[in-house]
Amino acid sequence: GHDLLMRLRESRLQDEKLLIEYYNRIIESYDYVGNFLILLYH
């Protein structure tokens, strides 16, 4: 998780493939029933 965050930070949220990977990581780990929105700011 730390490595992914470091790469996201270094990419300034420009790497589409890395973003999809992180979205999936959030979706798999976030325990919530219903729709939700993920936002990332740099």
PDB file of all heavy atoms in Angstrom:
ATOM      1  N   GLY A   1       0.815  -1.205   0.000  1.00  0.00           N
ATOM      2  CA  GLY A   1       0.000   0.000   0.000  1.00  0.00           C
ATOM      3  C   GLY A   1       0.847   1.253   0.000  1.00  0.00           C
ATOM      4  O   GLY A   1       0.544   2.234  -0.701  1.00  0.00           O
ATOM      5  N   HIS A   2       1.928   1.222   0.738  1.00  0.00           N
ATOM      6  CA  HIS A   2       2.838   2.368   0.807  1.00  0.00           C
ATOM      7  C   HIS A   2       3.492   2.616  -0.542  1.00  0.00           C
ATOM      8  O   HIS A   2       3.618   3.758  -1.006  1.00  0.00           O
ATOM      9  CB  HIS A   2       3.894   2.123   1.882  1.00  0.00           C
ATOM     10  CG  HIS A   2       4.838   3.272   2.075  1.00  0.00           C
ATOM     11  ND1 HIS A   2       6.012   3.396   1.367  1.00  0.00           N
ATOM     12  CD2 HIS A   2       4.763   4.376   2.885  1.00  0.00           C
ATOM     13  CE1 HIS A   2       6.630   4.497   1.739  1.00  0.00           C
ATOM     14  NE2 HIS A   2       5.897   5.118   2.660  1.00  0.00           N
ATOM     15  N   ASP A   3       3.886   1.540  -1.189  1.00  0.00           N
ATOM     16  CA  ASP A   3       4.530   1.653  -2.505  1.00  0.00           C
ATOM     17  C   ASP A   3       3.584   2.272  -3.534  1.00  0.00           C
ATOM     18  O   ASP A   3       3.978   3.144  -4.324  1.00  0.00           O
ATOM     19  CB  ASP A   3       4.976   0.267  -2.971  1.00  0.00           C
ATOM     20  CG  ASP A   3       5.582   0.286  -4.369  1.00  0.00           C
ATOM     21  OD1 ASP A   3       6.516   1.082  -4.598  1.00  0.00           O
ATOM     22  OD2 ASP A   3       5.094  -0.469  -5.233  1.00  0.00           O
ATOM     23  N   LEU A   4       2.312   1.848  -3.533  1.00  0.00           N
ATOM     24  CA  LEU A   4       1.335   2.401  -4.464  1.00  0.00           C
ATOM     25  C   LEU A   4       1.114   3.893  -4.226  1.00  0.00           C
ATOM     26  O   LEU A   4       1.000   4.686  -5.167  1.00  0.00           O
ATOM     27  CB  LEU A   4       0.003   1.654  -4.335  1.00  0.00           C
ATOM     28  CG  LEU A   4      -0.076   0.287  -5.011  1.00  0.00           C
ATOM     29  CD1 LEU A   4      -1.368  -0.421  -4.645  1.00  0.00           C
ATOM     30  CD2 LEU A   4       0.038   0.427  -6.526  1.00  0.00           C
ATOM     31  N   LEU A   5       1.056   4.281  -2.945  1.00  0.00           N
ATOM     32  CA  LEU A   5       0.876   5.693  -2.622  1.00  0.00           C
ATOM     33  C   LEU A   5       2.070   6.531  -3.075  1.00  0.00           C
ATOM     34  O   LEU A   5       1.901   7.651  -3.586  1.00  0.00           O
ATOM     35  CB  LEU A   5       0.656   5.864  -1.110  1.00  0.00           C
ATOM     36  CG  LEU A   5      -0.700   5.390  -0.575  1.00  0.00           C
ATOM     37  CD1 LEU A   5      -0.741   5.451   0.938  1.00  0.00           C
ATOM     38  CD2 LEU A   5      -1.820   6.230  -1.170  1.00  0.00           C
ATOM     39  N   MET A   6       3.256   5.988  -2.902  1.00  0.00           N
ATOM     40  CA  MET A   6       4.455   6.696  -3.346  1.00  0.00           C
ATOM     41  C   MET A   6       4.427   6.891  -4.864  1.00  0.00           C
ATOM     42  O   MET A   6       4.753   7.968  -5.381  1.00  0.00           O
ATOM     43  CB  MET A   6       5.707   5.919  -2.936  1.00  0.00           C
ATOM     44  CG  MET A   6       5.987   5.932  -1.435  1.00  0.00           C
ATOM     45  SD  MET A   6       6.460   7.571  -0.815  1.00  0.00           S
ATOM     46  CE  MET A   6       8.088   7.737  -1.534  1.00  0.00           C
ATOM     47  N   ARG A   7       4.008   5.861  -5.581  1.00  0.00           N
ATOM     48  CA  ARG A   7       3.954   5.955  -7.045  1.00  0.00           C
ATOM     49  C   ARG A   7       2.863   6.902  -7.517  1.00  0.00           C
ATOM     50  O   ARG A   7       3.044   7.648  -8.482  1.00  0.00           O
ATOM     51  CB  ARG A   7       3.763   4.558  -7.631  1.00  0.00           C
ATOM     52  CG  ARG A   7       5.023   3.686  -7.518  1.00  0.00           C
ATOM     53  CD  ARG A   7       4.711   2.202  -7.599  1.00  0.00           C
ATOM     54  NE  ARG A   7       3.982   1.852  -8.824  1.00  0.00           N
ATOM     55  CZ  ARG A   7       3.307   0.719  -8.989  1.00  0.00           C
ATOM     56  NH1 ARG A   7       3.256  -0.169  -7.997  1.00  0.00           N
ATOM     57  NH2 ARG A   7       2.690   0.470 -10.114  1.00  0.00           N
ATOM     58  N   LEU A   8       1.726   6.890  -6.831  1.00  0.00           N
ATOM     59  CA  LEU A   8       0.645   7.829  -7.169  1.00  0.00           C
ATOM     60  C   LEU A   8       1.108   9.268  -6.965  1.00  0.00           C
ATOM     61  O   LEU A   8       0.837  10.148  -7.788  1.00  0.00           O
ATOM     62  CB  LEU A   8      -0.583   7.555  -6.288  1.00  0.00           C
ATOM     63  CG  LEU A   8      -1.482   6.379  -6.670  1.00  0.00           C
ATOM     64  CD1 LEU A   8      -2.495   6.117  -5.570  1.00  0.00           C
ATOM     65  CD2 LEU A   8      -2.205   6.657  -7.987  1.00  0.00           C
ATOM     66  N   ARG A   9       1.799   9.474  -5.869  1.00  0.00           N
ATOM     67  CA  ARG A   9       2.309  10.814  -5.542  1.00  0.00           C
ATOM     68  C   ARG A   9       3.315  11.280  -6.585  1.00  0.00           C
ATOM     69  O   ARG A   9       3.267  12.416  -7.064  1.00  0.00           O
ATOM     70  CB  ARG A   9       2.928  10.779  -4.142  1.00  0.00           C
ATOM     71  CG  ARG A   9       3.643  12.028  -3.685  1.00  0.00           C
ATOM     72  CD  ARG A   9       4.032  11.840  -2.222  1.00  0.00           C
ATOM     73  NE  ARG A   9       4.912  12.892  -1.760  1.00  0.00           N
ATOM     74  CZ  ARG A   9       6.226  12.822  -1.713  1.00  0.00           C
ATOM     75  NH1 ARG A   9       6.848  11.732  -2.178  1.00  0.00           N
ATOM     76  NH2 ARG A   9       6.965  13.822  -1.261  1.00  0.00           N
ATOM     77  N   GLU A  10       4.230  10.385  -6.956  1.00  0.00           N
ATOM     78  CA  GLU A  10       5.260  10.740  -7.928  1.00  0.00           C
ATOM     79  C   GLU A  10       4.666  10.976  -9.314  1.00  0.00           C
ATOM     80  O   GLU A  10       5.162  11.804 -10.083  1.00  0.00           O
ATOM     81  CB  GLU A  10       6.314   9.625  -7.985  1.00  0.00           C
ATOM     82  CG  GLU A  10       7.170   9.546  -6.725  1.00  0.00           C
ATOM     83  CD  GLU A  10       7.961   8.251  -6.636  1.00  0.00           C
ATOM     84  OE1 GLU A  10       7.900   7.454  -7.605  1.00  0.00           O
ATOM     85  OE2 GLU A  10       8.618   8.020  -5.593  1.00  0.00           O
ATOM     86  N   SER A  11       3.589  10.257  -9.637  1.00  0.00           N
ATOM     87  CA  SER A  11       2.959  10.411 -10.959  1.00  0.00           C
ATOM     88  C   SER A  11       2.053  11.635 -11.016  1.00  0.00           C
ATOM     89  O   SER A  11       1.554  11.981 -12.094  1.00  0.00           O
ATOM     90  CB  SER A  11       2.137   9.165 -11.291  1.00  0.00           C
ATOM     91  OG  SER A  11       0.968   9.114 -10.486  1.00  0.00           O
ATOM     92  N   ARG A  12       1.805  12.258  -9.877  1.00  0.00           N
ATOM     93  CA  ARG A  12       0.898  13.419  -9.786  1.00  0.00           C
ATOM     94  C   ARG A  12      -0.484  13.071 -10.357  1.00  0.00           C
ATOM     95  O   ARG A  12      -1.138  13.891 -10.991  1.00  0.00           O
ATOM     96  CB  ARG A  12       1.488  14.623 -10.518  1.00  0.00           C
ATOM     97  CG  ARG A  12       2.752  15.153  -9.863  1.00  0.00           C
ATOM     98  CD  ARG A  12       3.401  16.233 -10.681  1.00  0.00           C
ATOM     99  NE  ARG A  12       4.484  16.843  -9.916  1.00  0.00           N
ATOM    100  CZ  ARG A  12       4.433  18.036  -9.332  1.00  0.00           C
ATOM    101  NH1 ARG A  12       3.333  18.768  -9.430  1.00  0.00           N
ATOM    102  NH2 ARG A  12       5.462  18.517  -8.671  1.00  0.00           N
ATOM    103  N   LEU A  13      -0.897  11.814 -10.125  1.00  0.00           N
ATOM    104  CA  LEU A  13      -2.211  11.302 -10.554  1.00  0.00           C
ATOM    105  C   LEU A  13      -2.383  11.332 -12.079  1.00  0.00           C
ATOM    106  O   LEU A  13      -3.498  11.487 -12.582  1.00  0.00           O
ATOM    107  CB  LEU A  13      -3.347  12.102  -9.882  1.00  0.00           C
ATOM    108  CG  LEU A  13      -3.296  12.211  -8.348  1.00  0.00           C
ATOM    109  CD1 LEU A  13      -4.498  12.991  -7.834  1.00  0.00           C
ATOM    110  CD2 LEU A  13      -3.248  10.827  -7.706  1.00  0.00           C
ATOM    111  N   GLN A  14      -1.283  11.168 -12.809  1.00  0.00           N
ATOM    112  CA  GLN A  14      -1.329  11.206 -14.274  1.00  0.00           C
ATOM    113  C   GLN A  14      -1.325   9.809 -14.901  1.00  0.00           C
ATOM    114  O   GLN A  14      -1.652   9.657 -16.084  1.00  0.00           O
ATOM    115  CB  GLN A  14      -0.109  11.985 -14.816  1.00  0.00           C
ATOM    116  CG  GLN A  14      -0.007  13.415 -14.330  1.00  0.00           C
ATOM    117  CD  GLN A  14      -0.974  14.329 -15.048  1.00  0.00           C
ATOM    118  OE1 GLN A  14      -1.696  13.910 -15.943  1.00  0.00           O
ATOM    119  NE2 GLN A  14      -0.987  15.591 -14.664  1.00  0.00           N
ATOM    120  N   ASP A  15      -0.959   8.778 -14.125  1.00  0.00           N
ATOM    121  CA  ASP A  15      -0.819   7.418 -14.653  1.00  0.00           C
ATOM    122  C   ASP A  15      -2.167   6.694 -14.574  1.00  0.00           C
ATOM    123  O   ASP A  15      -2.604   6.255 -13.505  1.00  0.00           O
ATOM    124  CB  ASP A  15       0.237   6.669 -13.839  1.00  0.00           C
ATOM    125  CG  ASP A  15       0.592   5.319 -14.431  1.00  0.00           C
ATOM    126  OD1 ASP A  15      -0.285   4.697 -15.062  1.00  0.00           O
ATOM    127  OD2 ASP A  15       1.739   4.882 -14.261  1.00  0.00           O
ATOM    128  N   GLU A  16      -2.833   6.555 -15.721  1.00  0.00           N
ATOM    129  CA  GLU A  16      -4.178   5.976 -15.758  1.00  0.00           C
ATOM    130  C   GLU A  16      -4.185   4.526 -15.269  1.00  0.00           C
ATOM    131  O   GLU A  16      -5.078   4.113 -14.520  1.00  0.00           O
ATOM    132  CB  GLU A  16      -4.720   6.041 -17.192  1.00  0.00           C
ATOM    133  CG  GLU A  16      -6.155   5.555 -17.330  1.00  0.00           C
ATOM    134  CD  GLU A  16      -7.153   6.463 -16.631  1.00  0.00           C
ATOM    135  OE1 GLU A  16      -6.900   7.682 -16.522  1.00  0.00           O
ATOM    136  OE2 GLU A  16      -8.193   5.945 -16.168  1.00  0.00           O
ATOM    137  N   LYS A  17      -3.212   3.748 -15.683  1.00  0.00           N
ATOM    138  CA  LYS A  17      -3.140   2.350 -15.275  1.00  0.00           C
ATOM    139  C   LYS A  17      -2.973   2.224 -13.762  1.00  0.00           C
ATOM    140  O   LYS A  17      -3.612   1.379 -13.112  1.00  0.00           O
ATOM    141  CB  LYS A  17      -1.962   1.673 -15.992  1.00  0.00           C
ATOM    142  CG  LYS A  17      -1.851   0.179 -15.705  1.00  0.00           C
ATOM    143  CD  LYS A  17      -0.691  -0.434 -16.465  1.00  0.00           C
ATOM    144  CE  LYS A  17      -0.541  -1.915 -16.135  1.00  0.00           C
ATOM    145  NZ  LYS A  17       0.609  -2.538 -16.855  1.00  0.00           N
ATOM    146  N   LEU A  18      -2.132   3.069 -13.194  1.00  0.00           N
ATOM    147  CA  LEU A  18      -1.894   3.058 -11.746  1.00  0.00           C
ATOM    148  C   LEU A  18      -3.155   3.476 -10.994  1.00  0.00           C
ATOM    149  O   LEU A  18      -3.478   2.914  -9.936  1.00  0.00           O
ATOM    150  CB  LEU A  18      -0.731   3.999 -11.408  1.00  0.00           C
ATOM    151  CG  LEU A  18      -0.262   4.034  -9.950  1.00  0.00           C
ATOM    152  CD1 LEU A  18       0.193   2.650  -9.499  1.00  0.00           C
ATOM    153  CD2 LEU A  18       0.876   5.041  -9.781  1.00  0.00           C
ATOM    154  N   LEU A  19      -3.883   4.428 -11.538  1.00  0.00           N
ATOM    155  CA  LEU A  19      -5.120   4.879 -10.895  1.00  0.00           C
ATOM    156  C   LEU A  19      -6.159   3.764 -10.860  1.00  0.00           C
ATOM    157  O   LEU A  19      -6.814   3.543  -9.832  1.00  0.00           O
ATOM    158  CB  LEU A  19      -5.689   6.098 -11.633  1.00  0.00           C
ATOM    159  CG  LEU A  19      -4.949   7.419 -11.442  1.00  0.00           C
ATOM    160  CD1 LEU A  19      -5.483   8.485 -12.395  1.00  0.00           C
ATOM    161  CD2 LEU A  19      -5.071   7.900  -9.996  1.00  0.00           C
ATOM    162  N   ILE A  20      -6.315   3.055 -11.968  1.00  0.00           N
ATOM    163  CA  ILE A  20      -7.266   1.938 -12.020  1.00  0.00           C
ATOM    164  C   ILE A  20      -6.878   0.878 -10.995  1.00  0.00           C
ATOM    165  O   ILE A  20      -7.739   0.307 -10.303  1.00  0.00           O
ATOM    166  CB  ILE A  20      -7.314   1.318 -13.436  1.00  0.00           C
ATOM    167  CG1 ILE A  20      -7.873   2.334 -14.448  1.00  0.00           C
ATOM    168  CG2 ILE A  20      -8.159   0.048 -13.435  1.00  0.00           C
ATOM    169  CD1 ILE A  20      -9.293   2.776 -14.180  1.00  0.00           C
ATOM    170  N   GLU A  21      -5.584   0.622 -10.880  1.00  0.00           N
ATOM    171  CA  GLU A  21      -5.100  -0.358  -9.901  1.00  0.00           C
ATOM    172  C   GLU A  21      -5.474   0.077  -8.487  1.00  0.00           C
ATOM    173  O   GLU A  21      -5.900  -0.746  -7.660  1.00  0.00           O
ATOM    174  CB  GLU A  21      -3.583  -0.515 -10.022  1.00  0.00           C
ATOM    175  CG  GLU A  21      -3.002  -1.542  -9.058  1.00  0.00           C
ATOM    176  CD  GLU A  21      -1.481  -1.666  -9.181  1.00  0.00           C
ATOM    177  OE1 GLU A  21      -0.891  -1.031 -10.082  1.00  0.00           O
ATOM    178  OE2 GLU A  21      -0.887  -2.397  -8.357  1.00  0.00           O
ATOM    179  N   TYR A  22      -5.332   1.368  -8.236  1.00  0.00           N
ATOM    180  CA  TYR A  22      -5.630   1.840  -6.877  1.00  0.00           C
ATOM    181  C   TYR A  22      -7.139   1.885  -6.619  1.00  0.00           C
ATOM    182  O   TYR A  22      -7.591   1.582  -5.516  1.00  0.00           O
ATOM    183  CB  TYR A  22      -5.012   3.216  -6.625  1.00  0.00           C
ATOM    184  CG  TYR A  22      -4.806   3.469  -5.140  1.00  0.00           C
ATOM    185  CD1 TYR A  22      -3.845   2.746  -4.440  1.00  0.00           C
ATOM    186  CD2 TYR A  22      -5.587   4.377  -4.438  1.00  0.00           C
ATOM    187  CE1 TYR A  22      -3.658   2.929  -3.082  1.00  0.00           C
ATOM    188  CE2 TYR A  22      -5.407   4.578  -3.079  1.00  0.00           C
ATOM    189  CZ  TYR A  22      -4.444   3.843  -2.414  1.00  0.00           C
ATOM    190  OH  TYR A  22      -4.272   4.017  -1.053  1.00  0.00           O
ATOM    191  N   TYR A  23      -7.914   2.246  -7.619  1.00  0.00           N
ATOM    192  CA  TYR A  23      -9.371   2.203  -7.459  1.00  0.00           C
ATOM    193  C   TYR A  23      -9.815   0.791  -7.080  1.00  0.00           C
ATOM    194  O   TYR A  23     -10.646   0.600  -6.173  1.00  0.00           O
ATOM    195  CB  TYR A  23     -10.078   2.622  -8.757  1.00  0.00           C
ATOM    196  CG  TYR A  23      -9.892   4.061  -9.155  1.00  0.00           C
ATOM    197  CD1 TYR A  23      -9.910   4.429 -10.514  1.00  0.00           C
ATOM    198  CD2 TYR A  23      -9.705   5.063  -8.205  1.00  0.00           C
ATOM    199  CE1 TYR A  23      -9.749   5.750 -10.904  1.00  0.00           C
ATOM    200  CE2 TYR A  23      -9.535   6.394  -8.592  1.00  0.00           C
ATOM    201  CZ  TYR A  23      -9.558   6.722  -9.949  1.00  0.00           C
ATOM    202  OH  TYR A  23      -9.397   8.029 -10.322  1.00  0.00           O
ATOM    203  N   ASN A  24      -9.275  -0.195  -7.775  1.00  0.00           N
ATOM    204  CA  ASN A  24      -9.639  -1.586  -7.485  1.00  0.00           C
ATOM    205  C   ASN A  24      -9.225  -1.991  -6.071  1.00  0.00           C
ATOM    206  O   ASN A  24      -9.933  -2.747  -5.398  1.00  0.00           O
ATOM    207  CB  ASN A  24      -8.992  -2.531  -8.507  1.00  0.00           C
ATOM    208  CG  ASN A  24      -9.745  -2.545  -9.825  1.00  0.00           C
ATOM    209  OD1 ASN A  24     -10.967  -2.490  -9.846  1.00  0.00           O
ATOM    210  ND2 ASN A  24      -9.015  -2.611 -10.926  1.00  0.00           N
ATOM    211  N   ARG A  25      -8.081  -1.494  -5.652  1.00  0.00           N
ATOM    212  CA  ARG A  25      -7.604  -1.800  -4.295  1.00  0.00           C
ATOM    213  C   ARG A  25      -8.574  -1.229  -3.259  1.00  0.00           C
ATOM    214  O   ARG A  25      -8.884  -1.877  -2.249  1.00  0.00           O
ATOM    215  CB  ARG A  25      -6.205  -1.223  -4.100  1.00  0.00           C
ATOM    216  CG  ARG A  25      -5.549  -1.622  -2.781  1.00  0.00           C
ATOM    217  CD  ARG A  25      -4.167  -0.997  -2.650  1.00  0.00           C
ATOM    218  NE  ARG A  25      -3.534  -1.359  -1.391  1.00  0.00           N
ATOM    219  CZ  ARG A  25      -2.701  -2.370  -1.227  1.00  0.00           C
ATOM    220  NH1 ARG A  25      -2.405  -3.146  -2.255  1.00  0.00           N
ATOM    221  NH2 ARG A  25      -2.166  -2.618  -0.040  1.00  0.00           N
ATOM    222  N   ILE A  26      -9.055  -0.011  -3.506  1.00  0.00           N
ATOM    223  CA  ILE A  26     -10.012   0.616  -2.592  1.00  0.00           C
ATOM    224  C   ILE A  26     -11.324  -0.164  -2.582  1.00  0.00           C
ATOM    225  O   ILE A  26     -11.886  -0.466  -1.521  1.00  0.00           O
ATOM    226  CB  ILE A  26     -10.274   2.086  -2.994  1.00  0.00           C
ATOM    227  CG1 ILE A  26      -9.019   2.929  -2.765  1.00  0.00           C
ATOM    228  CG2 ILE A  26     -11.448   2.666  -2.200  1.00  0.00           C
ATOM    229  CD1 ILE A  26      -9.133   4.361  -3.272  1.00  0.00           C
ATOM    230  N   ILE A  27     -11.820  -0.494  -3.775  1.00  0.00           N
ATOM    231  CA  ILE A  27     -13.099  -1.202  -3.898  1.00  0.00           C
ATOM    232  C   ILE A  27     -13.060  -2.538  -3.166  1.00  0.00           C
ATOM    233  O   ILE A  27     -14.023  -2.929  -2.492  1.00  0.00           O
ATOM    234  CB  ILE A  27     -13.454  -1.412  -5.387  1.00  0.00           C
ATOM    235  CG1 ILE A  27     -13.744  -0.063  -6.050  1.00  0.00           C
ATOM    236  CG2 ILE A  27     -14.640  -2.354  -5.547  1.00  0.00           C
ATOM    237  CD1 ILE A  27     -13.820  -0.110  -7.570  1.00  0.00           C
ATOM    238  N   GLU A  28     -11.951  -3.250  -3.280  1.00  0.00           N
ATOM    239  CA  GLU A  28     -11.815  -4.560  -2.641  1.00  0.00           C
ATOM    240  C   GLU A  28     -11.747  -4.465  -1.114  1.00  0.00           C
ATOM    241  O   GLU A  28     -12.217  -5.362  -0.410  1.00  0.00           O
ATOM    242  CB  GLU A  28     -10.562  -5.272  -3.165  1.00  0.00           C
ATOM    243  CG  GLU A  28     -10.669  -5.712  -4.615  1.00  0.00           C
ATOM    244  CD  GLU A  28      -9.346  -6.200  -5.169  1.00  0.00           C
ATOM    245  OE1 GLU A  28      -8.368  -6.283  -4.374  1.00  0.00           O
ATOM    246  OE2 GLU A  28      -9.258  -6.480  -6.374  1.00  0.00           O
ATOM    247  N   SER A  29     -11.171  -3.394  -0.603  1.00  0.00           N
ATOM    248  CA  SER A  29     -10.916  -3.322   0.836  1.00  0.00           C
ATOM    249  C   SER A  29     -11.945  -2.495   1.612  1.00  0.00           C
ATOM    250  O   SER A  29     -12.098  -2.671   2.820  1.00  0.00           O
ATOM    251  CB  SER A  29      -9.520  -2.733   1.086  1.00  0.00           C
ATOM    252  OG  SER A  29      -9.420  -1.431   0.536  1.00  0.00           O
ATOM    253  N   TYR A  30     -12.674  -1.607   0.919  1.00  0.00           N
ATOM    254  CA  TYR A  30     -13.607  -0.715   1.606  1.00  0.00           C
ATOM    255  C   TYR A  30     -14.932  -1.434   1.845  1.00  0.00           C
ATOM    256  O   TYR A  30     -15.643  -1.787   0.908  1.00  0.00           O
ATOM    257  CB  TYR A  30     -13.813   0.549   0.764  1.00  0.00           C
ATOM    258  CG  TYR A  30     -14.743   1.575   1.357  1.00  0.00           C
ATOM    259  CD1 TYR A  30     -14.513   2.129   2.611  1.00  0.00           C
ATOM    260  CD2 TYR A  30     -15.869   2.002   0.645  1.00  0.00           C
ATOM    261  CE1 TYR A  30     -15.354   3.086   3.144  1.00  0.00           C
ATOM    262  CE2 TYR A  30     -16.717   2.967   1.165  1.00  0.00           C
ATOM    263  CZ  TYR A  30     -16.461   3.497   2.414  1.00  0.00           C
ATOM    264  OH  TYR A  30     -17.307   4.446   2.936  1.00  0.00           O
ATOM    265  N   ASP A  31     -15.262  -1.673   3.097  1.00  0.00           N
ATOM    266  CA  ASP A  31     -16.456  -2.432   3.467  1.00  0.00           C
ATOM    267  C   ASP A  31     -17.648  -1.477   3.557  1.00  0.00           C
ATOM    268  O   ASP A  31     -17.866  -0.812   4.576  1.00  0.00           O
ATOM    269  CB  ASP A  31     -16.229  -3.123   4.822  1.00  0.00           C
ATOM    270  CG  ASP A  31     -17.387  -4.032   5.203  1.00  0.00           C
ATOM    271  OD1 ASP A  31     -18.253  -4.255   4.349  1.00  0.00           O
ATOM    272  OD2 ASP A  31     -17.419  -4.493   6.354  1.00  0.00           O
ATOM    273  N   TYR A  32     -18.401  -1.423   2.466  1.00  0.00           N
ATOM    274  CA  TYR A  32     -19.560  -0.522   2.414  1.00  0.00           C
ATOM    275  C   TYR A  32     -20.611  -1.101   1.481  1.00  0.00           C
ATOM    276  O   TYR A  32     -20.290  -1.583   0.396  1.00  0.00           O
ATOM    277  CB  TYR A  32     -19.136   0.861   1.924  1.00  0.00           C
ATOM    278  CG  TYR A  32     -20.275   1.869   1.859  1.00  0.00           C
ATOM    279  CD1 TYR A  32     -20.749   2.482   3.016  1.00  0.00           C
ATOM    280  CD2 TYR A  32     -20.879   2.179   0.642  1.00  0.00           C
ATOM    281  CE1 TYR A  32     -21.801   3.384   2.966  1.00  0.00           C
ATOM    282  CE2 TYR A  32     -21.933   3.085   0.585  1.00  0.00           C
ATOM    283  CZ  TYR A  32     -22.390   3.681   1.748  1.00  0.00           C
ATOM    284  OH  TYR A  32     -23.428   4.580   1.700  1.00  0.00           O
ATOM    285  N   VAL A  33     -21.875  -1.062   1.921  1.00  0.00           N
ATOM    286  CA  VAL A  33     -22.983  -1.550   1.103  1.00  0.00           C
ATOM    287  C   VAL A  33     -23.666  -0.343   0.445  1.00  0.00           C
ATOM    288  O   VAL A  33     -24.256   0.487   1.125  1.00  0.00           O
ATOM    289  CB  VAL A  33     -24.003  -2.331   1.953  1.00  0.00           C
ATOM    290  CG1 VAL A  33     -25.175  -2.782   1.088  1.00  0.00           C
ATOM    291  CG2 VAL A  33     -23.337  -3.515   2.631  1.00  0.00           C
ATOM    292  N   GLY A  34     -23.567  -0.249  -0.863  1.00  0.00           N
ATOM    293  CA  GLY A  34     -24.167   0.873  -1.565  1.00  0.00           C
ATOM    294  C   GLY A  34     -23.191   1.518  -2.530  1.00  0.00           C
ATOM    295  O   GLY A  34     -22.043   1.091  -2.684  1.00  0.00           O
ATOM    296  N   ASN A  35     -23.632   2.573  -3.181  1.00  0.00           N
ATOM    297  CA  ASN A  35     -22.803   3.294  -4.145  1.00  0.00           C
ATOM    298  C   ASN A  35     -21.878   4.265  -3.406  1.00  0.00           C
ATOM    299  O   ASN A  35     -22.236   4.800  -2.352  1.00  0.00           O
ATOM    300  CB  ASN A  35     -23.675   4.087  -5.117  1.00  0.00           C
ATOM    301  CG  ASN A  35     -24.601   3.193  -5.918  1.00  0.00           C
ATOM    302  OD1 ASN A  35     -24.791   2.020  -5.608  1.00  0.00           O
ATOM    303  ND2 ASN A  35     -25.170   3.736  -6.973  1.00  0.00           N
ATOM    304  N   PHE A  36     -20.705   4.520  -3.983  1.00  0.00           N
ATOM    305  CA  PHE A  36     -19.813   5.508  -3.376  1.00  0.00           C
ATOM    306  C   PHE A  36     -18.896   6.120  -4.434  1.00  0.00           C
ATOM    307  O   PHE A  36     -18.702   5.572  -5.525  1.00  0.00           O
ATOM    308  CB  PHE A  36     -19.006   4.905  -2.229  1.00  0.00           C
ATOM    309  CG  PHE A  36     -18.147   3.730  -2.578  1.00  0.00           C
ATOM    310  CD1 PHE A  36     -16.825   3.893  -2.984  1.00  0.00           C
ATOM    311  CD2 PHE A  36     -18.641   2.433  -2.476  1.00  0.00           C
ATOM    312  CE1 PHE A  36     -16.029   2.815  -3.292  1.00  0.00           C
ATOM    313  CE2 PHE A  36     -17.851   1.332  -2.779  1.00  0.00           C
ATOM    314  CZ  PHE A  36     -16.534   1.517  -3.194  1.00  0.00           C
ATOM    315  N   LEU A  37     -18.346   7.270  -4.058  1.00  0.00           N
ATOM    316  CA  LEU A  37     -17.466   8.026  -4.950  1.00  0.00           C
ATOM    317  C   LEU A  37     -16.065   8.086  -4.349  1.00  0.00           C
ATOM    318  O   LEU A  37     -15.906   8.396  -3.160  1.00  0.00           O
ATOM    319  CB  LEU A  37     -18.008   9.450  -5.128  1.00  0.00           C
ATOM    320  CG  LEU A  37     -17.153  10.426  -5.945  1.00  0.00           C
ATOM    321  CD1 LEU A  37     -17.085   9.987  -7.403  1.00  0.00           C
ATOM    322  CD2 LEU A  37     -17.710  11.847  -5.829  1.00  0.00           C
ATOM    323  N   ILE A  38     -15.053   7.772  -5.159  1.00  0.00           N
ATOM    324  CA  ILE A  38     -13.653   7.883  -4.744  1.00  0.00           C
ATOM    325  C   ILE A  38     -13.061   9.139  -5.391  1.00  0.00           C
ATOM    326  O   ILE A  38     -13.183   9.320  -6.607  1.00  0.00           O
ATOM    327  CB  ILE A  38     -12.834   6.651  -5.190  1.00  0.00           C
ATOM    328  CG1 ILE A  38     -13.446   5.357  -4.651  1.00  0.00           C
ATOM    329  CG2 ILE A  38     -11.374   6.786  -4.751  1.00  0.00           C
ATOM    330  CD1 ILE A  38     -12.857   4.101  -5.277  1.00  0.00           C
ATOM    331  N   LEU A  39     -12.448   9.984  -4.604  1.00  0.00           N
ATOM    332  CA  LEU A  39     -11.797  11.187  -5.123  1.00  0.00           C
ATOM    333  C   LEU A  39     -10.343  11.224  -4.679  1.00  0.00           C
ATOM    334  O   LEU A  39     -10.037  10.910  -3.516  1.00  0.00           O
ATOM    335  CB  LEU A  39     -12.508  12.453  -4.632  1.00  0.00           C
ATOM    336  CG  LEU A  39     -13.919  12.714  -5.168  1.00  0.00           C
ATOM    337  CD1 LEU A  39     -14.542  13.902  -4.456  1.00  0.00           C
ATOM    338  CD2 LEU A  39     -13.894  12.950  -6.676  1.00  0.00           C
ATOM    339  N   LEU A  40      -9.453  11.610  -5.602  1.00  0.00           N
ATOM    340  CA  LEU A  40      -8.035  11.780  -5.282  1.00  0.00           C
ATOM    341  C   LEU A  40      -7.596  13.177  -5.732  1.00  0.00           C
ATOM    342  O   LEU A  40      -7.878  13.592  -6.860  1.00  0.00           O
ATOM    343  CB  LEU A  40      -7.182  10.728  -5.994  1.00  0.00           C
ATOM    344  CG  LEU A  40      -7.288   9.283  -5.489  1.00  0.00           C
ATOM    345  CD1 LEU A  40      -6.660   8.328  -6.487  1.00  0.00           C
ATOM    346  CD2 LEU A  40      -6.631   9.135  -4.127  1.00  0.00           C
ATOM    347  N   TYR A  41      -6.936  13.897  -4.838  1.00  0.00           N
ATOM    348  CA  TYR A  41      -6.434  15.238  -5.128  1.00  0.00           C
ATOM    349  C   TYR A  41      -4.906  15.226  -5.029  1.00  0.00           C
ATOM    350  O   TYR A  41      -4.334  14.506  -4.200  1.00  0.00           O
ATOM    351  CB  TYR A  41      -6.940  16.253  -4.103  1.00  0.00           C
ATOM    352  CG  TYR A  41      -8.436  16.359  -3.936  1.00  0.00           C
ATOM    353  CD1 TYR A  41      -9.160  15.377  -3.254  1.00  0.00           C
ATOM    354  CD2 TYR A  41      -9.131  17.467  -4.405  1.00  0.00           C
ATOM    355  CE1 TYR A  41     -10.531  15.491  -3.066  1.00  0.00           C
ATOM    356  CE2 TYR A  41     -10.505  17.602  -4.210  1.00  0.00           C
ATOM    357  CZ  TYR A  41     -11.194  16.609  -3.544  1.00  0.00           C
ATOM    358  OH  TYR A  41     -12.549  16.733  -3.346  1.00  0.00           O
ATOM    359  N   HIS A  42      -4.268  16.066  -5.841  1.00  0.00           N
ATOM    360  CA  HIS A  42      -2.814  16.228  -5.736  1.00  0.00           C
ATOM    361  C   HIS A  42      -2.477  17.704  -5.572  1.00  0.00           C
ATOM    362  O   HIS A  42      -3.074  18.569  -6.211  1.00  0.00           O
ATOM    363  CB  HIS A  42      -2.093  15.688  -6.972  1.00  0.00           C
ATOM    364  CG  HIS A  42      -0.601  15.881  -6.901  1.00  0.00           C
ATOM    365  ND1 HIS A  42       0.044  16.970  -7.467  1.00  0.00           N
ATOM    366  CD2 HIS A  42       0.366  15.136  -6.290  1.00  0.00           C
ATOM    367  CE1 HIS A  42       1.340  16.881  -7.221  1.00  0.00           C
ATOM    368  NE2 HIS A  42       1.567  15.783  -6.520  1.00  0.00           N
TER     369      HIS A  42
END
